[in-house]
Amino acid sequence: MSTMTSPVLRAEDRCDRCDAQAFVLVRLSSGRDLQFCVHHYTAHATALAPLADEIVDESSRLFQSPGR
């Protein structure tokens, strides 16, 4: 499993659980992608980790100043 830091999620990307803005993309070994808000990713991270080929965590963008 690898972890990327380059932005790939847009404001239009939505959490698969609650429709909030997605900041985490989980690419499963099955080939399926899941998108999560930080809250739902945190709640399910332990269960998702063994199933993931890649996790793109952009939650640090929540703490950036506008325009960065």
PDB file of N, CA and C in Angstrom:
ATOM      1  N   MET A   1       0.858  -1.182   0.000  1.00  0.00           N
ATOM      2  CA  MET A   1       0.000   0.000   0.000  1.00  0.00           C
ATOM      3  C   MET A   1       0.893   1.232   0.000  1.00  0.00           C
ATOM      4  N   SER A   2       0.501   2.228  -0.787  1.00  0.00           N
ATOM      5  CA  SER A   2       1.238   3.482  -0.813  1.00  0.00           C
ATOM      6  C   SER A   2       0.322   4.619  -0.396  1.00  0.00           C
ATOM      7  N   THR A   3       0.937   5.715   0.014  1.00  0.00           N
ATOM      8  CA  THR A   3       0.180   6.902   0.396  1.00  0.00           C
ATOM      9  C   THR A   3       0.682   8.063  -0.438  1.00  0.00           C
ATOM     10  N   MET A   4      -0.223   8.728  -1.157  1.00  0.00           N
ATOM     11  CA  MET A   4       0.137   9.854  -2.005  1.00  0.00           C
ATOM     12  C   MET A   4      -0.185  11.153  -1.287  1.00  0.00           C
ATOM     13  N   THR A   5       0.511  12.217  -1.680  1.00  0.00           N
ATOM     14  CA  THR A   5       0.218  13.515  -1.081  1.00  0.00           C
ATOM     15  C   THR A   5      -0.200  14.555  -2.116  1.00  0.00           C
ATOM     16  N   SER A   6      -0.125  14.262  -3.408  1.00  0.00           N
ATOM     17  CA  SER A   6      -0.510  15.238  -4.427  1.00  0.00           C
ATOM     18  C   SER A   6      -2.033  15.334  -4.517  1.00  0.00           C
ATOM     19  N   PRO A   7      -2.570  16.555  -4.639  1.00  0.00           N
ATOM     20  CA  PRO A   7      -4.030  16.719  -4.675  1.00  0.00           C
ATOM     21  C   PRO A   7      -4.668  16.039  -5.884  1.00  0.00           C
ATOM     22  N   VAL A   8      -5.645  15.220  -5.627  1.00  0.00           N
ATOM     23  CA  VAL A   8      -6.413  14.588  -6.699  1.00  0.00           C
ATOM     24  C   VAL A   8      -7.912  14.766  -6.511  1.00  0.00           C
ATOM     25  N   LEU A   9      -8.320  15.122  -5.308  1.00  0.00           N
ATOM     26  CA  LEU A   9      -9.742  15.307  -5.032  1.00  0.00           C
ATOM     27  C   LEU A   9     -10.144  16.760  -5.239  1.00  0.00           C
ATOM     28  N   ARG A  10     -11.327  16.942  -5.813  1.00  0.00           N
ATOM     29  CA  ARG A  10     -11.848  18.289  -6.076  1.00  0.00           C
ATOM     30  C   ARG A  10     -12.993  18.593  -5.117  1.00  0.00           C
ATOM     31  N   ALA A  11     -13.422  19.828  -5.091  1.00  0.00           N
ATOM     32  CA  ALA A  11     -14.534  20.238  -4.224  1.00  0.00           C
ATOM     33  C   ALA A  11     -15.815  19.482  -4.577  1.00  0.00           C
ATOM     34  N   GLU A  12     -15.941  19.036  -5.807  1.00  0.00           N
ATOM     35  CA  GLU A  12     -17.131  18.311  -6.245  1.00  0.00           C
ATOM     36  C   GLU A  12     -17.147  16.860  -5.776  1.00  0.00           C
ATOM     37  N   ASP A  13     -16.002  16.321  -5.353  1.00  0.00           N
ATOM     38  CA  ASP A  13     -15.929  14.931  -4.904  1.00  0.00           C
ATOM     39  C   ASP A  13     -16.571  14.808  -3.529  1.00  0.00           C
ATOM     40  N   ARG A  14     -17.433  13.809  -3.379  1.00  0.00           N
ATOM     41  CA  ARG A  14     -18.266  13.669  -2.188  1.00  0.00           C
ATOM     42  C   ARG A  14     -18.001  12.364  -1.453  1.00  0.00           C
ATOM     43  N   CYS A  15     -18.164  12.399  -0.153  1.00  0.00           N
ATOM     44  CA  CYS A  15     -18.027  11.231   0.710  1.00  0.00           C
ATOM     45  C   CYS A  15     -19.092  10.204   0.323  1.00  0.00           C
ATOM     46  N   ASP A  16     -18.680   8.948   0.237  1.00  0.00           N
ATOM     47  CA  ASP A  16     -19.615   7.875  -0.093  1.00  0.00           C
ATOM     48  C   ASP A  16     -20.572   7.549   1.055  1.00  0.00           C
ATOM     49  N   ARG A  17     -20.316   8.061   2.234  1.00  0.00           N
ATOM     50  CA  ARG A  17     -21.179   7.799   3.381  1.00  0.00           C
ATOM     51  C   ARG A  17     -22.180   8.916   3.658  1.00  0.00           C
ATOM     52  N   CYS A  18     -21.754  10.201   3.496  1.00  0.00           N
ATOM     53  CA  CYS A  18     -22.640  11.279   3.945  1.00  0.00           C
ATOM     54  C   CYS A  18     -22.770  12.438   2.959  1.00  0.00           C
ATOM     55  N   ASP A  19     -22.091  12.406   1.840  1.00  0.00           N
ATOM     56  CA  ASP A  19     -22.162  13.440   0.809  1.00  0.00           C
ATOM     57  C   ASP A  19     -21.439  14.742   1.178  1.00  0.00           C
ATOM     58  N   ALA A  20     -20.659  14.749   2.257  1.00  0.00           N
ATOM     59  CA  ALA A  20     -19.801  15.908   2.563  1.00  0.00           C
ATOM     60  C   ALA A  20     -18.618  15.896   1.589  1.00  0.00           C
ATOM     61  N   GLN A  21     -17.850  16.969   1.536  1.00  0.00           N
ATOM     62  CA  GLN A  21     -16.691  17.010   0.645  1.00  0.00           C
ATOM     63  C   GLN A  21     -15.697  15.920   1.043  1.00  0.00           C
ATOM     64  N   ALA A  22     -15.228  15.176   0.051  1.00  0.00           N
ATOM     65  CA  ALA A  22     -14.268  14.096   0.285  1.00  0.00           C
ATOM     66  C   ALA A  22     -12.847  14.650   0.327  1.00  0.00           C
ATOM     67  N   PHE A  23     -12.103  14.228   1.332  1.00  0.00           N
ATOM     68  CA  PHE A  23     -10.696  14.587   1.454  1.00  0.00           C
ATOM     69  C   PHE A  23      -9.794  13.356   1.476  1.00  0.00           C
ATOM     70  N   VAL A  24     -10.396  12.161   1.443  1.00  0.00           N
ATOM     71  CA  VAL A  24      -9.616  10.925   1.443  1.00  0.00           C
ATOM     72  C   VAL A  24     -10.163  10.013   0.354  1.00  0.00           C
ATOM     73  N   LEU A  25      -9.248   9.521  -0.481  1.00  0.00           N
ATOM     74  CA  LEU A  25      -9.576   8.562  -1.537  1.00  0.00           C
ATOM     75  C   LEU A  25      -8.912   7.246  -1.180  1.00  0.00           C
ATOM     76  N   VAL A  26      -9.688   6.179  -1.136  1.00  0.00           N
ATOM     77  CA  VAL A  26      -9.163   4.851  -0.843  1.00  0.00           C
ATOM     78  C   VAL A  26      -9.321   4.008  -2.094  1.00  0.00           C
ATOM     79  N   ARG A  27      -8.194   3.560  -2.632  1.00  0.00           N
ATOM     80  CA  ARG A  27      -8.216   2.670  -3.801  1.00  0.00           C
ATOM     81  C   ARG A  27      -8.065   1.249  -3.289  1.00  0.00           C
ATOM     82  N   LEU A  28      -9.129   0.474  -3.445  1.00  0.00           N
ATOM     83  CA  LEU A  28      -9.150  -0.889  -2.940  1.00  0.00           C
ATOM     84  C   LEU A  28      -8.442  -1.842  -3.895  1.00  0.00           C
ATOM     85  N   SER A  29      -7.951  -2.947  -3.367  1.00  0.00           N
ATOM     86  CA  SER A  29      -7.287  -3.949  -4.199  1.00  0.00           C
ATOM     87  C   SER A  29      -8.260  -4.584  -5.192  1.00  0.00           C
ATOM     88  N   SER A  30      -9.551  -4.465  -4.944  1.00  0.00           N
ATOM     89  CA  SER A  30     -10.572  -4.983  -5.867  1.00  0.00           C
ATOM     90  C   SER A  30     -10.713  -4.115  -7.114  1.00  0.00           C
ATOM     91  N   GLY A  31     -10.063  -2.926  -7.098  1.00  0.00           N
ATOM     92  CA  GLY A  31     -10.161  -2.011  -8.222  1.00  0.00           C
ATOM     93  C   GLY A  31     -11.175  -0.896  -8.014  1.00  0.00           C
ATOM     94  N   ARG A  32     -11.916  -0.951  -6.953  1.00  0.00           N
ATOM     95  CA  ARG A  32     -12.921   0.068  -6.663  1.00  0.00           C
ATOM     96  C   ARG A  32     -12.306   1.208  -5.861  1.00  0.00           C
ATOM     97  N   ASP A  33     -12.785   2.423  -6.085  1.00  0.00           N
ATOM     98  CA  ASP A  33     -12.357   3.598  -5.339  1.00  0.00           C
ATOM     99  C   ASP A  33     -13.480   4.032  -4.405  1.00  0.00           C
ATOM    100  N   LEU A  34     -13.120   4.411  -3.198  1.00  0.00           N
ATOM    101  CA  LEU A  34     -14.058   4.967  -2.239  1.00  0.00           C
ATOM    102  C   LEU A  34     -13.564   6.340  -1.823  1.00  0.00           C
ATOM    103  N   GLN A  35     -14.488   7.262  -1.612  1.00  0.00           N
ATOM    104  CA  GLN A  35     -14.155   8.619  -1.180  1.00  0.00           C
ATOM    105  C   GLN A  35     -14.825   8.875   0.157  1.00  0.00           C
ATOM    106  N   PHE A  36     -14.068   9.522   1.057  1.00  0.00           N
ATOM    107  CA  PHE A  36     -14.589   9.770   2.394  1.00  0.00           C
ATOM    108  C   PHE A  36     -14.282  11.183   2.863  1.00  0.00           C
ATOM    109  N   CYS A  37     -15.178  11.728   3.671  1.00  0.00           N
ATOM    110  CA  CYS A  37     -14.855  12.917   4.447  1.00  0.00           C
ATOM    111  C   CYS A  37     -13.892  12.449   5.536  1.00  0.00           C
ATOM    112  N   VAL A  38     -13.269  13.380   6.221  1.00  0.00           N
ATOM    113  CA  VAL A  38     -12.294  13.003   7.244  1.00  0.00           C
ATOM    114  C   VAL A  38     -12.973  12.219   8.372  1.00  0.00           C
ATOM    115  N   HIS A  39     -14.158  12.637   8.766  1.00  0.00           N
ATOM    116  CA  HIS A  39     -14.874  11.963   9.844  1.00  0.00           C
ATOM    117  C   HIS A  39     -15.098  10.483   9.527  1.00  0.00           C
ATOM    118  N   HIS A  40     -15.639  10.193   8.359  1.00  0.00           N
ATOM    119  CA  HIS A  40     -15.947   8.804   8.030  1.00  0.00           C
ATOM    120  C   HIS A  40     -14.696   7.985   7.704  1.00  0.00           C
ATOM    121  N   TYR A  41     -13.676   8.608   7.136  1.00  0.00           N
ATOM    122  CA  TYR A  41     -12.439   7.858   6.928  1.00  0.00           C
ATOM    123  C   TYR A  41     -11.842   7.462   8.279  1.00  0.00           C
ATOM    124  N   THR A  42     -11.811   8.396   9.221  1.00  0.00           N
ATOM    125  CA  THR A  42     -11.266   8.105  10.544  1.00  0.00           C
ATOM    126  C   THR A  42     -12.044   6.967  11.207  1.00  0.00           C
ATOM    127  N   ALA A  43     -13.346   6.978  11.052  1.00  0.00           N
ATOM    128  CA  ALA A  43     -14.186   5.948  11.659  1.00  0.00           C
ATOM    129  C   ALA A  43     -13.948   4.567  11.053  1.00  0.00           C
ATOM    130  N   HIS A  44     -13.545   4.503   9.782  1.00  0.00           N
ATOM    131  CA  HIS A  44     -13.409   3.220   9.085  1.00  0.00           C
ATOM    132  C   HIS A  44     -11.976   2.883   8.680  1.00  0.00           C
ATOM    133  N   ALA A  45     -11.006   3.700   9.059  1.00  0.00           N
ATOM    134  CA  ALA A  45      -9.619   3.524   8.609  1.00  0.00           C
ATOM    135  C   ALA A  45      -9.043   2.158   8.966  1.00  0.00           C
ATOM    136  N   THR A  46      -9.296   1.684  10.145  1.00  0.00           N
ATOM    137  CA  THR A  46      -8.741   0.398  10.572  1.00  0.00           C
ATOM    138  C   THR A  46      -9.256  -0.743   9.709  1.00  0.00           C
ATOM    139  N   ALA A  47     -10.526  -0.717   9.379  1.00  0.00           N
ATOM    140  CA  ALA A  47     -11.110  -1.770   8.545  1.00  0.00           C
ATOM    141  C   ALA A  47     -10.670  -1.655   7.091  1.00  0.00           C
ATOM    142  N   LEU A  48     -10.449  -0.425   6.617  1.00  0.00           N
ATOM    143  CA  LEU A  48     -10.081  -0.214   5.218  1.00  0.00           C
ATOM    144  C   LEU A  48      -8.612  -0.509   4.926  1.00  0.00           C
ATOM    145  N   ALA A  49      -7.743  -0.288   5.886  1.00  0.00           N
ATOM    146  CA  ALA A  49      -6.299  -0.418   5.664  1.00  0.00           C
ATOM    147  C   ALA A  49      -5.884  -1.744   5.027  1.00  0.00           C
ATOM    148  N   PRO A  50      -6.360  -2.891   5.500  1.00  0.00           N
ATOM    149  CA  PRO A  50      -5.921  -4.145   4.880  1.00  0.00           C
ATOM    150  C   PRO A  50      -6.497  -4.375   3.480  1.00  0.00           C
ATOM    151  N   LEU A  51      -7.523  -3.629   3.106  1.00  0.00           N
ATOM    152  CA  LEU A  51      -8.165  -3.787   1.804  1.00  0.00           C
ATOM    153  C   LEU A  51      -7.635  -2.817   0.754  1.00  0.00           C
ATOM    154  N   ALA A  52      -6.863  -1.826   1.187  1.00  0.00           N
ATOM    155  CA  ALA A  52      -6.454  -0.730   0.309  1.00  0.00           C
ATOM    156  C   ALA A  52      -5.120  -1.004  -0.377  1.00  0.00           C
ATOM    157  N   ASP A  53      -5.063  -0.646  -1.661  1.00  0.00           N
ATOM    158  CA  ASP A  53      -3.795  -0.619  -2.395  1.00  0.00           C
ATOM    159  C   ASP A  53      -3.150   0.750  -2.248  1.00  0.00           C
ATOM    160  N   GLU A  54      -3.989   1.774  -2.102  1.00  0.00           N
ATOM    161  CA  GLU A  54      -3.494   3.142  -2.032  1.00  0.00           C
ATOM    162  C   GLU A  54      -4.480   3.990  -1.247  1.00  0.00           C
ATOM    163  N   ILE A  55      -3.948   4.909  -0.456  1.00  0.00           N
ATOM    164  CA  ILE A  55      -4.772   5.865   0.266  1.00  0.00           C
ATOM    165  C   ILE A  55      -4.248   7.260  -0.045  1.00  0.00           C
ATOM    166  N   VAL A  56      -5.130   8.092  -0.564  1.00  0.00           N
ATOM    167  CA  VAL A  56      -4.779   9.481  -0.863  1.00  0.00           C
ATOM    168  C   VAL A  56      -5.471  10.325   0.198  1.00  0.00           C
ATOM    169  N   ASP A  57      -4.688  10.834   1.149  1.00  0.00           N
ATOM    170  CA  ASP A  57      -5.227  11.601   2.264  1.00  0.00           C
ATOM    171  C   ASP A  57      -4.883  13.073   2.067  1.00  0.00           C
ATOM    172  N   GLU A  58      -5.886  13.853   1.748  1.00  0.00           N
ATOM    173  CA  GLU A  58      -5.710  15.288   1.530  1.00  0.00           C
ATOM    174  C   GLU A  58      -6.330  16.104   2.659  1.00  0.00           C
ATOM    175  N   SER A  59      -6.492  15.499   3.816  1.00  0.00           N
ATOM    176  CA  SER A  59      -7.133  16.184   4.938  1.00  0.00           C
ATOM    177  C   SER A  59      -6.345  17.407   5.408  1.00  0.00           C
ATOM    178  N   SER A  60      -5.064  17.472   5.121  1.00  0.00           N
ATOM    179  CA  SER A  60      -4.272  18.648   5.519  1.00  0.00           C
ATOM    180  C   SER A  60      -4.756  19.910   4.812  1.00  0.00           C
ATOM    181  N   ARG A  61      -5.461  19.752   3.697  1.00  0.00           N
ATOM    182  CA  ARG A  61      -6.012  20.910   2.983  1.00  0.00           C
ATOM    183  C   ARG A  61      -7.036  21.663   3.823  1.00  0.00           C
ATOM    184  N   LEU A  62      -7.622  21.000   4.808  1.00  0.00           N
ATOM    185  CA  LEU A  62      -8.591  21.659   5.690  1.00  0.00           C
ATOM    186  C   LEU A  62      -7.957  22.768   6.512  1.00  0.00           C
ATOM    187  N   PHE A  63      -6.657  22.714   6.695  1.00  0.00           N
ATOM    188  CA  PHE A  63      -5.953  23.664   7.550  1.00  0.00           C
ATOM    189  C   PHE A  63      -5.149  24.689   6.772  1.00  0.00           C
ATOM    190  N   GLN A  64      -5.271  24.682   5.440  1.00  0.00           N
ATOM    191  CA  GLN A  64      -4.563  25.659   4.602  1.00  0.00           C
ATOM    192  C   GLN A  64      -5.372  26.934   4.491  1.00  0.00           C
ATOM    193  N   SER A  65      -4.666  28.026   4.325  1.00  0.00           N
ATOM    194  CA  SER A  65      -5.323  29.318   4.103  1.00  0.00           C
ATOM    195  C   SER A  65      -5.946  29.335   2.712  1.00  0.00           C
ATOM    196  N   PRO A  66      -7.051  30.039   2.527  1.00  0.00           N
ATOM    197  CA  PRO A  66      -7.654  30.155   1.197  1.00  0.00           C
ATOM    198  C   PRO A  66      -6.643  30.716   0.195  1.00  0.00           C
ATOM    199  N   GLY A  67      -6.691  30.218  -1.019  1.00  0.00           N
ATOM    200  CA  GLY A  67      -5.807  30.697  -2.065  1.00  0.00           C
ATOM    201  C   GLY A  67      -4.475  29.989  -2.132  1.00  0.00           C
ATOM    202  N   ARG A  68      -4.251  29.001  -1.280  1.00  0.00           N
ATOM    203  CA  ARG A  68      -2.992  28.262  -1.306  1.00  0.00           C
ATOM    204  C   ARG A  68      -3.127  27.005  -2.092  1.00  0.00           C
TER     205      ARG A  68
END
